[in-house]
C-alpha atoms as a PDB file:
ATOM      1  CA  MET A   1      -0.014  -0.226  -0.095  1.00  0.00           C
ATOM      2  CA  SER A   2       1.232   3.428  -0.929  1.00  0.00           C
ATOM      3  CA  LEU A   3       1.621   6.101   1.518  1.00  0.00           C
ATOM      4  CA  LYS A   4      -1.034   7.934  -0.162  1.00  0.00           C
ATOM      5  CA  GLU A   5      -3.855   5.049   0.171  1.00  0.00           C
ATOM      6  CA  LYS A   6      -2.890   4.681   3.477  1.00  0.00           C
ATOM      7  CA  ILE A   7      -3.238   8.300   4.524  1.00  0.00           C
ATOM      8  CA  LYS A   8      -6.859   8.089   2.864  1.00  0.00           C
ATOM      9  CA  SER A   9      -7.431   4.839   4.711  1.00  0.00           C
ATOM     10  CA  ASN A  10      -6.878   6.763   7.804  1.00  0.00           C
ATOM     11  CA  PRO A  11      -9.584   9.405   8.659  1.00  0.00           C
ATOM     12  CA  GLY A  12      -7.778  10.891  11.429  1.00  0.00           C
ATOM     13  CA  LEU A  13      -4.313  11.313   9.670  1.00  0.00           C
ATOM     14  CA  LYS A  14      -6.173  11.911   6.613  1.00  0.00           C
ATOM     15  CA  LYS A  15      -8.035  15.277   8.559  1.00  0.00           C
ATOM     16  CA  LEU A  16      -4.265  16.170  10.260  1.00  0.00           C
ATOM     17  CA  ILE A  17      -2.535  15.992   6.924  1.00  0.00           C
ATOM     18  CA  HIS A  18      -5.252  18.068   5.202  1.00  0.00           C
ATOM     19  CA  TRP A  19      -5.181  20.295   8.032  1.00  0.00           C
ATOM     20  CA  MET A  20      -1.398  20.683   7.781  1.00  0.00           C
ATOM     21  CA  LEU A  21      -1.089  21.550   4.120  1.00  0.00           C
ATOM     22  CA  ILE A  22      -4.404  23.699   3.947  1.00  0.00           C
ATOM     23  CA  PRO A  23      -5.920  26.186   6.806  1.00  0.00           C
ATOM     24  CA  SER A  24      -9.357  24.589   7.475  1.00  0.00           C
ATOM     25  CA  GLY A  25     -12.306  25.966   5.261  1.00  0.00           C
ATOM     26  CA  GLU A  26      -9.754  27.200   2.517  1.00  0.00           C
ATOM     27  CA  ALA A  27      -8.526  25.919  -0.506  1.00  0.00           C
ATOM     28  CA  ARG A  28      -5.121  27.930  -0.870  1.00  0.00           C
ATOM     29  CA  PRO A  29      -2.187  25.952   0.511  1.00  0.00           C
ATOM     30  CA  ARG A  30      -0.085  26.928   2.967  1.00  0.00           C
ATOM     31  CA  VAL A  31       2.839  29.055   2.379  1.00  0.00           C
ATOM     32  CA  TRP A  32       5.216  26.601   3.191  1.00  0.00           C
ATOM     33  CA  VAL A  33       3.903  24.041   0.977  1.00  0.00           C
ATOM     34  CA  LYS A  34       4.082  26.657  -1.710  1.00  0.00           C
ATOM     35  CA  TRP A  35       7.684  27.122  -1.309  1.00  0.00           C
ATOM     36  CA  PHE A  36       9.309  24.003  -0.270  1.00  0.00           C
ATOM     37  CA  ILE A  37       7.032  21.049  -1.711  1.00  0.00           C
ATOM     38  CA  ASN A  38       5.286  21.577  -4.778  1.00  0.00           C
ATOM     39  CA  PRO A  39       8.556  23.060  -6.618  1.00  0.00           C
ATOM     40  CA  PHE A  40      10.246  19.329  -6.157  1.00  0.00           C
ATOM     41  CA  VAL A  41       6.516  17.509  -6.738  1.00  0.00           C
ATOM     42  CA  HIS A  42       4.827  19.315  -9.583  1.00  0.00           C
ATOM     43  CA  GLN A  43       6.592  19.403 -13.285  1.00  0.00           C
ATOM     44  CA  ARG A  44       6.727  22.869 -14.747  1.00  0.00           C
ATOM     45  CA  ALA A  45       8.595  22.826 -18.193  1.00  0.00           C
ATOM     46  CA  TRP A  46      11.851  25.167 -18.014  1.00  0.00           C
ATOM     47  CA  SER A  47      10.027  27.692 -20.983  1.00  0.00           C
ATOM     48  CA  SER A  48       6.649  27.785 -19.342  1.00  0.00           C
ATOM     49  CA  LYS A  49       5.008  31.108 -17.489  1.00  0.00           C
ATOM     50  CA  VAL A  50       2.619  31.549 -14.490  1.00  0.00           C
ATOM     51  CA  ARG A  51       1.982  35.038 -14.239  1.00  0.00           C
ATOM     52  CA  CYS A  52       2.446  36.482 -10.872  1.00  0.00           C
ATOM     53  CA  ARG A  53      -1.336  37.611 -10.353  1.00  0.00           C
ATOM     54  CA  THR A  54      -2.301  33.751 -10.980  1.00  0.00           C
ATOM     55  CA  ARG A  55      -3.838  31.994  -7.892  1.00  0.00           C
ATOM     56  CA  MET A  56      -1.949  28.652  -7.878  1.00  0.00           C
ATOM     57  CA  ASP A  57      -3.948  26.341  -5.328  1.00  0.00           C
ATOM     58  CA  VAL A  58      -1.984  23.489  -5.896  1.00  0.00           C
ATOM     59  CA  LEU A  59      -1.089  20.905  -3.330  1.00  0.00           C
ATOM     60  CA  PRO A  60       1.372  17.728  -3.380  1.00  0.00           C
ATOM     61  CA  PHE A  61      -1.377  15.240  -3.358  1.00  0.00           C
ATOM     62  CA  ASN A  62      -2.628  15.480  -6.935  1.00  0.00           C
ATOM     63  CA  ARG A  63      -0.686  16.473  -9.850  1.00  0.00           C
ATOM     64  CA  PHE A  64       0.479  19.580 -11.610  1.00  0.00           C
ATOM     65  CA  VAL A  65       1.906  19.463 -15.356  1.00  0.00           C
ATOM     66  CA  LEU A  66       2.454  22.650 -17.048  1.00  0.00           C
ATOM     67  CA  GLY A  67       4.363  21.660 -20.976  1.00  0.00           C
ATOM     68  CA  LYS A  68       6.676  23.998 -22.758  1.00  0.00           C
ATOM     69  CA  SER A  69       5.973  27.076 -23.873  1.00  0.00           C
ATOM     70  CA  SER A  70       2.676  27.373 -22.136  1.00  0.00           C
ATOM     71  CA  THR A  71       1.253  30.133 -20.024  1.00  0.00           C
ATOM     72  CA  ILE A  72      -0.886  30.564 -17.401  1.00  0.00           C
ATOM     73  CA  GLU A  73      -1.743  34.333 -17.409  1.00  0.00           C
ATOM     74  CA  ASP A  74      -2.745  36.883 -14.752  1.00  0.00           C
ATOM     75  CA  PHE A  75      -5.981  36.452 -12.225  1.00  0.00           C
ATOM     76  CA  CYS A  76      -6.576  32.717 -13.234  1.00  0.00           C
ATOM     77  CA  THR A  77      -6.996  30.227 -10.308  1.00  0.00           C
ATOM     78  CA  VAL A  78      -5.798  26.653 -11.055  1.00  0.00           C
ATOM     79  CA  ASN A  79      -6.834  24.097  -8.397  1.00  0.00           C
ATOM     80  CA  ASN A  80      -5.715  20.551  -7.941  1.00  0.00           C
ATOM     81  CA  GLY A  81      -7.176  19.490  -4.843  1.00  0.00           C
ATOM     82  CA  VAL A  82      -9.806  17.043  -6.057  1.00  0.00           C
ATOM     83  CA  GLY A  83      -7.773  16.016  -9.163  1.00  0.00           C
ATOM     84  CA  ASP A  84      -4.885  16.324 -11.313  1.00  0.00           C
ATOM     85  CA  VAL A  85      -4.450  19.142 -13.714  1.00  0.00           C
ATOM     86  CA  PHE A  86      -1.925  18.563 -16.997  1.00  0.00           C
ATOM     87  CA  ILE A  87      -1.483  21.318 -19.182  1.00  0.00           C
ATOM     88  CA  GLY A  88       0.308  20.401 -22.610  1.00  0.00           C
ATOM     89  CA  ASP A  89       3.003  22.511 -24.518  1.00  0.00           C
ATOM     90  CA  ASN A  90       2.451  25.521 -26.392  1.00  0.00           C
ATOM     91  CA  THR A  91      -0.817  26.423 -24.561  1.00  0.00           C
ATOM     92  CA  LEU A  92      -2.313  29.262 -23.341  1.00  0.00           C
ATOM     93  CA  ILE A  93      -4.335  30.027 -20.675  1.00  0.00           C
ATOM     94  CA  GLY A  94      -6.104  33.780 -21.130  1.00  0.00           C
ATOM     95  CA  MET A  95      -6.858  36.166 -18.403  1.00  0.00           C
ATOM     96  CA  GLY A  96      -9.189  35.480 -15.492  1.00  0.00           C
ATOM     97  CA  ASN A  97      -9.879  31.908 -16.221  1.00  0.00           C
ATOM     98  CA  VAL A  98     -10.632  28.906 -13.662  1.00  0.00           C
ATOM     99  CA  ILE A  99      -9.190  25.542 -13.794  1.00  0.00           C
ATOM    100  CA  ILE A 100     -10.251  23.149 -11.216  1.00  0.00           C
ATOM    101  CA  GLY A 101      -9.024  19.113 -11.928  1.00  0.00           C
ATOM    102  CA  PRO A 102      -9.214  16.340 -12.982  1.00  0.00           C
ATOM    103  CA  VAL A 103      -8.478  18.746 -15.960  1.00  0.00           C
ATOM    104  CA  THR A 104      -6.061  17.431 -18.743  1.00  0.00           C
ATOM    105  CA  ILE A 105      -5.774  20.432 -21.991  1.00  0.00           C
ATOM    106  CA  GLY A 106      -3.573  19.274 -24.930  1.00  0.00           C
ATOM    107  CA  ASN A 107      -0.646  20.918 -27.039  1.00  0.00           C
ATOM    108  CA  ASN A 108      -1.217  24.225 -28.530  1.00  0.00           C
ATOM    109  CA  VAL A 109      -4.753  25.409 -27.091  1.00  0.00           C
ATOM    110  CA  ILE A 110      -5.922  28.483 -26.392  1.00  0.00           C
ATOM    111  CA  PHE A 111      -8.406  29.103 -23.286  1.00  0.00           C
ATOM    112  CA  ALA A 112      -9.329  33.149 -24.084  1.00  0.00           C
ATOM    113  CA  GLN A 113     -10.929  35.185 -21.232  1.00  0.00           C
ATOM    114  CA  ASN A 114     -12.783  34.106 -17.971  1.00  0.00           C
ATOM    115  CA  VAL A 115     -13.365  30.464 -19.286  1.00  0.00           C
ATOM    116  CA  VAL A 116     -14.374  27.815 -16.534  1.00  0.00           C
ATOM    117  CA  ALA A 117     -13.554  24.338 -16.735  1.00  0.00           C
ATOM    118  CA  SER A 118     -13.943  22.219 -13.351  1.00  0.00           C
ATOM    119  CA  GLY A 119     -14.299  18.828 -13.037  1.00  0.00           C
ATOM    120  CA  LEU A 120     -15.642  19.242  -9.473  1.00  0.00           C
ATOM    121  CA  ASN A 121     -19.476  19.535  -9.214  1.00  0.00           C
ATOM    122  CA  HIS A 122     -21.455  19.561  -6.047  1.00  0.00           C
ATOM    123  CA  GLU A 123     -24.669  16.944  -5.006  1.00  0.00           C
ATOM    124  CA  TYR A 124     -27.626  18.462  -4.124  1.00  0.00           C
ATOM    125  CA  ARG A 125     -30.560  16.242  -3.976  1.00  0.00           C
ATOM    126  CA  ASP A 126     -30.051  15.761  -0.281  1.00  0.00           C
ATOM    127  CA  VAL A 127     -32.735  18.732   0.836  1.00  0.00           C
ATOM    128  CA  ASN A 128     -32.364  17.596   4.186  1.00  0.00           C
ATOM    129  CA  LYS A 129     -28.534  18.768   4.384  1.00  0.00           C
ATOM    130  CA  ALA A 130     -26.590  22.120   3.198  1.00  0.00           C
ATOM    131  CA  ILE A 131     -25.324  21.983  -0.182  1.00  0.00           C
ATOM    132  CA  HIS A 132     -21.854  22.531   1.502  1.00  0.00           C
ATOM    133  CA  SER A 133     -22.009  19.493   3.595  1.00  0.00           C
ATOM    134  CA  GLN A 134     -22.990  16.958   0.678  1.00  0.00           C
ATOM    135  CA  GLU A 135     -20.900  14.826  -1.007  1.00  0.00           C
ATOM    136  CA  ILE A 136     -18.529  16.252  -3.839  1.00  0.00           C
ATOM    137  CA  LEU A 137     -19.234  14.536  -7.518  1.00  0.00           C
ATOM    138  CA  VAL A 138     -15.688  14.717  -9.638  1.00  0.00           C
ATOM    139  CA  ALA A 139     -15.707  13.421 -13.439  1.00  0.00           C
ATOM    140  CA  PRO A 140     -12.590  14.307 -15.293  1.00  0.00           C
ATOM    141  CA  ILE A 141     -12.595  17.201 -18.011  1.00  0.00           C
ATOM    142  CA  THR A 142     -10.753  16.217 -21.618  1.00  0.00           C
ATOM    143  CA  VAL A 143      -9.767  18.990 -23.703  1.00  0.00           C
ATOM    144  CA  HIS A 144      -7.762  18.206 -27.003  1.00  0.00           C
ATOM    145  CA  ASP A 145      -5.188  19.059 -29.087  1.00  0.00           C
ATOM    146  CA  ASP A 146      -5.675  22.469 -31.333  1.00  0.00           C
ATOM    147  CA  CYS A 147      -8.473  23.612 -29.718  1.00  0.00           C
ATOM    148  CA  TRP A 148      -9.722  27.353 -28.996  1.00  0.00           C
ATOM    149  CA  ILE A 149     -11.879  27.762 -25.782  1.00  0.00           C
ATOM    150  CA  ALA A 150     -13.395  31.592 -26.573  1.00  0.00           C
ATOM    151  CA  ALA A 151     -14.296  33.923 -23.994  1.00  0.00           C
ATOM    152  CA  ASN A 152     -16.695  33.496 -21.259  1.00  0.00           C
ATOM    153  CA  ALA A 153     -17.281  29.361 -22.035  1.00  0.00           C
ATOM    154  CA  VAL A 154     -18.117  27.061 -19.575  1.00  0.00           C
ATOM    155  CA  ILE A 155     -17.155  23.399 -19.498  1.00  0.00           C
ATOM    156  CA  THR A 156     -18.623  20.848 -17.140  1.00  0.00           C
ATOM    157  CA  SER A 157     -17.407  18.100 -15.285  1.00  0.00           C
ATOM    158  CA  GLY A 158     -17.217  14.570 -17.474  1.00  0.00           C
ATOM    159  CA  VAL A 159     -16.985  16.487 -20.836  1.00  0.00           C
ATOM    160  CA  THR A 160     -14.435  15.547 -23.318  1.00  0.00           C
ATOM    161  CA  ILE A 161     -13.734  17.711 -26.512  1.00  0.00           C
ATOM    162  CA  GLY A 162     -12.184  16.578 -29.914  1.00  0.00           C
ATOM    163  CA  LYS A 163      -9.262  17.650 -31.366  1.00  0.00           C
ATOM    164  CA  HIS A 164      -9.389  20.900 -33.409  1.00  0.00           C
ATOM    165  CA  SER A 165     -12.830  21.650 -31.637  1.00  0.00           C
ATOM    166  CA  VAL A 166     -13.951  25.640 -31.422  1.00  0.00           C
ATOM    167  CA  ILE A 167     -16.040  26.325 -28.440  1.00  0.00           C
ATOM    168  CA  ALA A 168     -17.701  29.483 -29.403  1.00  0.00           C
ATOM    169  CA  ALA A 169     -18.015  32.782 -26.498  1.00  0.00           C
ATOM    170  CA  GLY A 170     -20.667  32.186 -23.723  1.00  0.00           C
ATOM    171  CA  ALA A 171     -21.287  28.993 -24.215  1.00  0.00           C
ATOM    172  CA  VAL A 172     -21.652  26.182 -21.844  1.00  0.00           C
ATOM    173  CA  VAL A 173     -20.271  22.621 -22.874  1.00  0.00           C
ATOM    174  CA  THR A 174     -22.516  19.686 -20.883  1.00  0.00           C
ATOM    175  CA  LYS A 175     -21.723  17.153 -23.245  1.00  0.00           C
ATOM    176  CA  ASP A 176     -18.775  15.614 -25.594  1.00  0.00           C
ATOM    177  CA  ILE A 177     -17.991  17.412 -28.224  1.00  0.00           C
ATOM    178  CA  PRO A 178     -16.610  16.175 -31.644  1.00  0.00           C
ATOM    179  CA  ALA A 179     -13.632  16.203 -33.010  1.00  0.00           C
ATOM    180  CA  TYR A 180     -12.886  19.121 -35.778  1.00  0.00           C
ATOM    181  CA  SER A 181     -16.528  20.698 -34.620  1.00  0.00           C
ATOM    182  CA  VAL A 182     -17.636  24.242 -33.781  1.00  0.00           C
ATOM    183  CA  ALA A 183     -20.060  24.279 -30.853  1.00  0.00           C
ATOM    184  CA  VAL A 184     -22.301  27.346 -29.614  1.00  0.00           C
ATOM    185  CA  GLY A 185     -25.136  27.884 -27.066  1.00  0.00           C
ATOM    186  CA  ASN A 186     -26.396  26.854 -23.881  1.00  0.00           C
ATOM    187  CA  PRO A 187     -26.110  23.896 -23.764  1.00  0.00           C
ATOM    188  CA  ALA A 188     -23.685  23.796 -26.471  1.00  0.00           C
ATOM    189  CA  ARG A 189     -24.556  22.269 -29.736  1.00  0.00           C
ATOM    190  CA  VAL A 190     -22.612  21.733 -33.020  1.00  0.00           C
ATOM    191  CA  ILE A 191     -23.304  23.939 -35.841  1.00  0.00           C
ATOM    192  CA  LYS A 192     -20.521  23.349 -37.729  1.00  0.00           C
ATOM    193  CA  THR A 193     -17.840  20.119 -38.496  1.00  0.00           C
ATOM    194  CA  TYR A 194     -14.955  20.265 -40.860  1.00  0.00           C
ATOM    195  CA  ASP A 195     -15.520  17.966 -44.050  1.00  0.00           C
ATOM    196  CA  ALA A 196     -12.290  16.163 -44.843  1.00  0.00           C
ATOM    197  CA  GLU A 197     -13.274  14.973 -48.478  1.00  0.00           C
ATOM    198  CA  LEU A 198     -14.471  18.899 -49.459  1.00  0.00           C
ATOM    199  CA  GLY A 199     -11.746  20.572 -47.562  1.00  0.00           C
ATOM    200  CA  GLU A 200     -14.070  23.152 -45.710  1.00  0.00           C
ATOM    201  CA  TRP A 201     -16.021  23.317 -42.695  1.00  0.00           C
ATOM    202  CA  VAL A 202     -19.796  22.775 -43.333  1.00  0.00           C
ATOM    203  CA  LYS A 203     -23.027  23.453 -41.450  1.00  0.00           C
ATOM    204  CA  VAL A 204     -24.603  20.710 -39.311  1.00  0.00           C
END
């Protein structure tokens, strides 16, 4: 049994370790974790950039990977508290984005401004409990290579967006989007796909 599994299987120890890493009721790790643990645990390519006004709520018990020549711009929040966050090479995470794992973002992807991609969701069906007391639901998000996610889009948990797809500004993606598609609206629907035989984008 790994150390991580031993901690998870012991509720008292898990609670103590969690308190040591994160102040009670918060998502942001303690300063000592940021300075002395995260740099040795997480993978950041030397050519990548995380702007100084980005909030990095990354913890050592889940993975964070930032690929070559990728940038996370100012005013973003990146959180791996409930799942890994992987960002590929040559990818731009624009200003004001919120990325909550588990999320995998491929190579050569553009996230414009104020995009939310959250692999976390809150259970709500037990009306005898407050929302914050209910179970947390987790389902991974995957955004494949060469995608463009336009401003103010929302990607919900469990969604996969196929290669070289475009998600329009303000779209709310609740279901998988096939590769080489353009999706718009709330909930997002595909309005164009790429026809390889014609060599052009065609309306659906």
